């Protein structure tokens, strides 16, 4: 499955930036994009592992319960 790089804007609006076949490439590009962020930018950069962009956006839209404090990874 591929890795997708997204800009995540407020209000859970997603903008697909790129698709990568390896995690390392996706991670490195996400780090570069995050370095370029300024205080005026209204988005964050996120890497998602999914079968297609629709699944990636669905996963990012889901509400997740926070981990209990003190829980080991």
N, C-alpha and C. Protein backbone atom coordinates (compact mmCIF):
# COMPACT_ATOMS: atom_id res chain seq x y z
N UNK A 1 0.85 -1.18 0.00
CA UNK A 1 0.00 0.00 0.00
C UNK A 1 0.89 1.24 0.00
N UNK A 2 0.42 2.28 -0.62
CA UNK A 2 1.22 3.52 -0.70
C UNK A 2 1.03 4.43 0.51
N UNK A 3 1.87 5.43 0.56
CA UNK A 3 1.82 6.48 1.58
C UNK A 3 1.38 7.77 0.89
N UNK A 4 0.49 8.49 1.54
CA UNK A 4 -0.03 9.74 0.99
C UNK A 4 0.37 10.89 1.90
N UNK A 5 0.80 11.98 1.28
CA UNK A 5 1.18 13.18 2.01
C UNK A 5 0.08 14.20 1.84
N UNK A 6 -0.42 14.70 2.97
CA UNK A 6 -1.56 15.63 2.96
C UNK A 6 -1.24 16.93 3.68
N UNK A 7 -1.90 17.98 3.23
CA UNK A 7 -2.04 19.20 4.01
C UNK A 7 -3.39 19.07 4.70
N UNK A 8 -3.40 19.23 6.01
CA UNK A 8 -4.64 19.13 6.78
C UNK A 8 -4.97 20.54 7.28
N UNK A 9 -6.02 21.11 6.71
CA UNK A 9 -6.46 22.46 7.07
C UNK A 9 -7.47 22.39 8.20
N UNK A 10 -7.70 23.51 8.86
CA UNK A 10 -8.69 23.54 9.92
C UNK A 10 -10.05 23.12 9.36
N UNK A 11 -10.87 22.54 10.20
CA UNK A 11 -12.16 22.03 9.74
C UNK A 11 -12.04 20.69 9.05
N UNK A 12 -10.91 20.01 9.24
CA UNK A 12 -10.66 18.70 8.63
C UNK A 12 -10.84 18.72 7.11
N UNK A 13 -10.24 19.70 6.48
CA UNK A 13 -10.20 19.75 5.02
C UNK A 13 -8.83 19.25 4.60
N UNK A 14 -8.83 18.29 3.68
CA UNK A 14 -7.60 17.61 3.29
C UNK A 14 -7.21 17.98 1.86
N UNK A 15 -5.91 18.21 1.67
CA UNK A 15 -5.38 18.49 0.34
C UNK A 15 -4.24 17.52 0.08
N UNK A 16 -4.45 16.61 -0.87
CA UNK A 16 -3.43 15.63 -1.22
C UNK A 16 -2.26 16.34 -1.89
N UNK A 17 -1.06 16.10 -1.39
CA UNK A 17 0.13 16.73 -1.94
C UNK A 17 0.93 15.76 -2.81
N UNK A 18 1.06 14.50 -2.36
CA UNK A 18 1.90 13.55 -3.09
C UNK A 18 1.58 12.12 -2.65
N UNK A 19 2.06 11.17 -3.46
CA UNK A 19 1.92 9.74 -3.17
C UNK A 19 3.31 9.14 -3.24
N UNK A 20 3.62 8.25 -2.29
CA UNK A 20 4.94 7.62 -2.24
C UNK A 20 4.79 6.12 -2.05
N UNK A 21 5.74 5.37 -2.59
CA UNK A 21 5.72 3.92 -2.43
C UNK A 21 6.48 3.48 -1.18
N UNK A 22 7.38 4.33 -0.68
CA UNK A 22 8.13 3.93 0.52
C UNK A 22 7.91 4.94 1.64
N UNK A 23 7.93 4.43 2.85
CA UNK A 23 7.74 5.28 4.02
C UNK A 23 8.85 6.32 4.12
N UNK A 24 10.06 5.91 3.87
CA UNK A 24 11.21 6.82 4.00
C UNK A 24 11.05 8.05 3.13
N UNK A 25 10.63 7.85 1.88
CA UNK A 25 10.42 9.00 0.98
C UNK A 25 9.32 9.91 1.51
N UNK A 26 8.22 9.32 1.95
CA UNK A 26 7.10 10.10 2.48
C UNK A 26 7.51 10.86 3.73
N UNK A 27 8.22 10.20 4.62
CA UNK A 27 8.68 10.83 5.85
C UNK A 27 9.62 12.00 5.57
N UNK A 28 10.56 11.79 4.67
CA UNK A 28 11.52 12.85 4.35
C UNK A 28 10.84 14.06 3.74
N UNK A 29 9.89 13.83 2.84
CA UNK A 29 9.17 14.95 2.23
C UNK A 29 8.30 15.67 3.25
N UNK A 30 7.67 14.92 4.15
CA UNK A 30 6.86 15.54 5.20
C UNK A 30 7.75 16.42 6.08
N UNK A 31 8.92 15.96 6.42
CA UNK A 31 9.84 16.76 7.24
C UNK A 31 10.22 18.05 6.51
N UNK A 32 10.49 17.95 5.21
CA UNK A 32 10.84 19.14 4.44
C UNK A 32 9.69 20.13 4.40
N UNK A 33 8.49 19.62 4.19
CA UNK A 33 7.31 20.49 4.14
C UNK A 33 7.08 21.15 5.50
N UNK A 34 7.28 20.43 6.58
CA UNK A 34 7.08 20.99 7.92
C UNK A 34 8.10 22.08 8.22
N UNK A 35 9.33 21.92 7.72
CA UNK A 35 10.36 22.95 7.91
C UNK A 35 9.95 24.26 7.26
N UNK A 36 9.21 24.18 6.17
CA UNK A 36 8.81 25.37 5.40
C UNK A 36 7.57 26.07 5.98
N UNK A 37 6.90 25.44 6.93
CA UNK A 37 5.70 26.06 7.51
C UNK A 37 6.05 27.36 8.22
N UNK A 38 5.17 28.33 8.08
CA UNK A 38 5.33 29.61 8.77
C UNK A 38 4.16 29.76 9.74
N UNK A 39 4.26 30.69 10.68
CA UNK A 39 3.15 30.90 11.62
C UNK A 39 1.84 31.30 10.92
N UNK A 40 1.93 31.85 9.73
CA UNK A 40 0.73 32.25 9.00
C UNK A 40 0.02 31.08 8.31
N UNK A 41 0.72 29.96 8.13
CA UNK A 41 0.11 28.80 7.47
C UNK A 41 -0.98 28.22 8.37
N UNK A 42 -2.12 27.89 7.76
CA UNK A 42 -3.25 27.36 8.52
C UNK A 42 -3.45 25.86 8.30
N UNK A 43 -2.37 25.14 8.14
CA UNK A 43 -2.47 23.70 7.92
C UNK A 43 -1.29 22.98 8.58
N UNK A 44 -1.46 21.68 8.73
CA UNK A 44 -0.37 20.82 9.17
C UNK A 44 -0.09 19.81 8.06
N UNK A 45 1.00 19.08 8.17
CA UNK A 45 1.39 18.10 7.16
C UNK A 45 1.33 16.72 7.80
N UNK A 46 0.68 15.79 7.11
CA UNK A 46 0.47 14.45 7.67
C UNK A 46 0.73 13.39 6.61
N UNK A 47 1.34 12.28 7.03
CA UNK A 47 1.56 11.12 6.17
C UNK A 47 0.55 10.05 6.57
N UNK A 48 -0.12 9.49 5.58
CA UNK A 48 -1.09 8.42 5.83
C UNK A 48 -0.77 7.20 4.99
N UNK A 49 -0.90 6.02 5.59
CA UNK A 49 -0.69 4.74 4.92
C UNK A 49 -2.07 4.17 4.64
N UNK A 50 -2.41 4.04 3.37
CA UNK A 50 -3.75 3.56 3.00
C UNK A 50 -3.73 3.00 1.59
N UNK A 51 -4.80 2.27 1.23
CA UNK A 51 -4.84 1.68 -0.11
C UNK A 51 -5.12 2.72 -1.19
N UNK A 52 -5.83 3.81 -0.82
CA UNK A 52 -6.12 4.87 -1.79
C UNK A 52 -6.41 6.17 -1.04
N UNK A 53 -6.46 7.30 -1.76
CA UNK A 53 -6.71 8.58 -1.08
C UNK A 53 -8.02 8.63 -0.31
N UNK A 54 -9.05 7.97 -0.82
CA UNK A 54 -10.35 7.98 -0.13
C UNK A 54 -10.24 7.33 1.24
N UNK A 55 -9.52 6.20 1.32
CA UNK A 55 -9.35 5.53 2.61
C UNK A 55 -8.50 6.39 3.54
N UNK A 56 -7.47 7.02 3.01
CA UNK A 56 -6.61 7.89 3.83
C UNK A 56 -7.43 9.02 4.45
N UNK A 57 -8.28 9.65 3.65
CA UNK A 57 -9.09 10.75 4.16
C UNK A 57 -10.12 10.26 5.18
N UNK A 58 -10.66 9.08 4.95
CA UNK A 58 -11.61 8.51 5.92
C UNK A 58 -10.92 8.26 7.25
N UNK A 59 -9.71 7.70 7.20
CA UNK A 59 -8.97 7.43 8.44
C UNK A 59 -8.63 8.72 9.18
N UNK A 60 -8.29 9.77 8.45
CA UNK A 60 -7.97 11.04 9.10
C UNK A 60 -9.21 11.71 9.68
N UNK A 61 -10.38 11.40 9.14
CA UNK A 61 -11.62 12.01 9.60
C UNK A 61 -12.19 11.35 10.85
N UNK A 62 -11.77 10.12 11.13
CA UNK A 62 -12.32 9.38 12.27
C UNK A 62 -11.87 10.00 13.58
N UNK A 63 -12.80 10.07 14.52
CA UNK A 63 -12.48 10.52 15.88
C UNK A 63 -11.84 9.35 16.60
N UNK A 64 -10.71 9.61 17.23
CA UNK A 64 -10.01 8.56 17.96
C UNK A 64 -9.98 8.89 19.44
N UNK A 65 -10.12 7.86 20.24
CA UNK A 65 -10.04 8.05 21.68
C UNK A 65 -8.59 8.28 22.07
N UNK A 66 -8.34 9.22 22.98
CA UNK A 66 -6.96 9.42 23.44
C UNK A 66 -6.48 8.21 24.22
N UNK A 67 -5.18 7.98 24.16
CA UNK A 67 -4.59 6.88 24.94
C UNK A 67 -4.68 7.21 26.41
N UNK A 68 -4.94 6.23 27.24
CA UNK A 68 -4.92 6.48 28.69
C UNK A 68 -3.51 6.87 29.14
N UNK A 69 -3.43 7.77 30.08
CA UNK A 69 -2.14 8.18 30.60
C UNK A 69 -1.43 6.99 31.20
N UNK A 70 -0.14 6.89 30.96
CA UNK A 70 0.66 5.82 31.54
C UNK A 70 0.65 4.54 30.74
N UNK A 71 -0.10 4.49 29.65
CA UNK A 71 -0.15 3.28 28.84
C UNK A 71 1.12 3.18 28.00
N UNK A 72 1.73 2.02 28.01
CA UNK A 72 2.93 1.80 27.19
C UNK A 72 2.53 1.62 25.73
N UNK A 73 3.45 1.97 24.85
CA UNK A 73 3.20 1.82 23.42
C UNK A 73 3.20 0.36 23.11
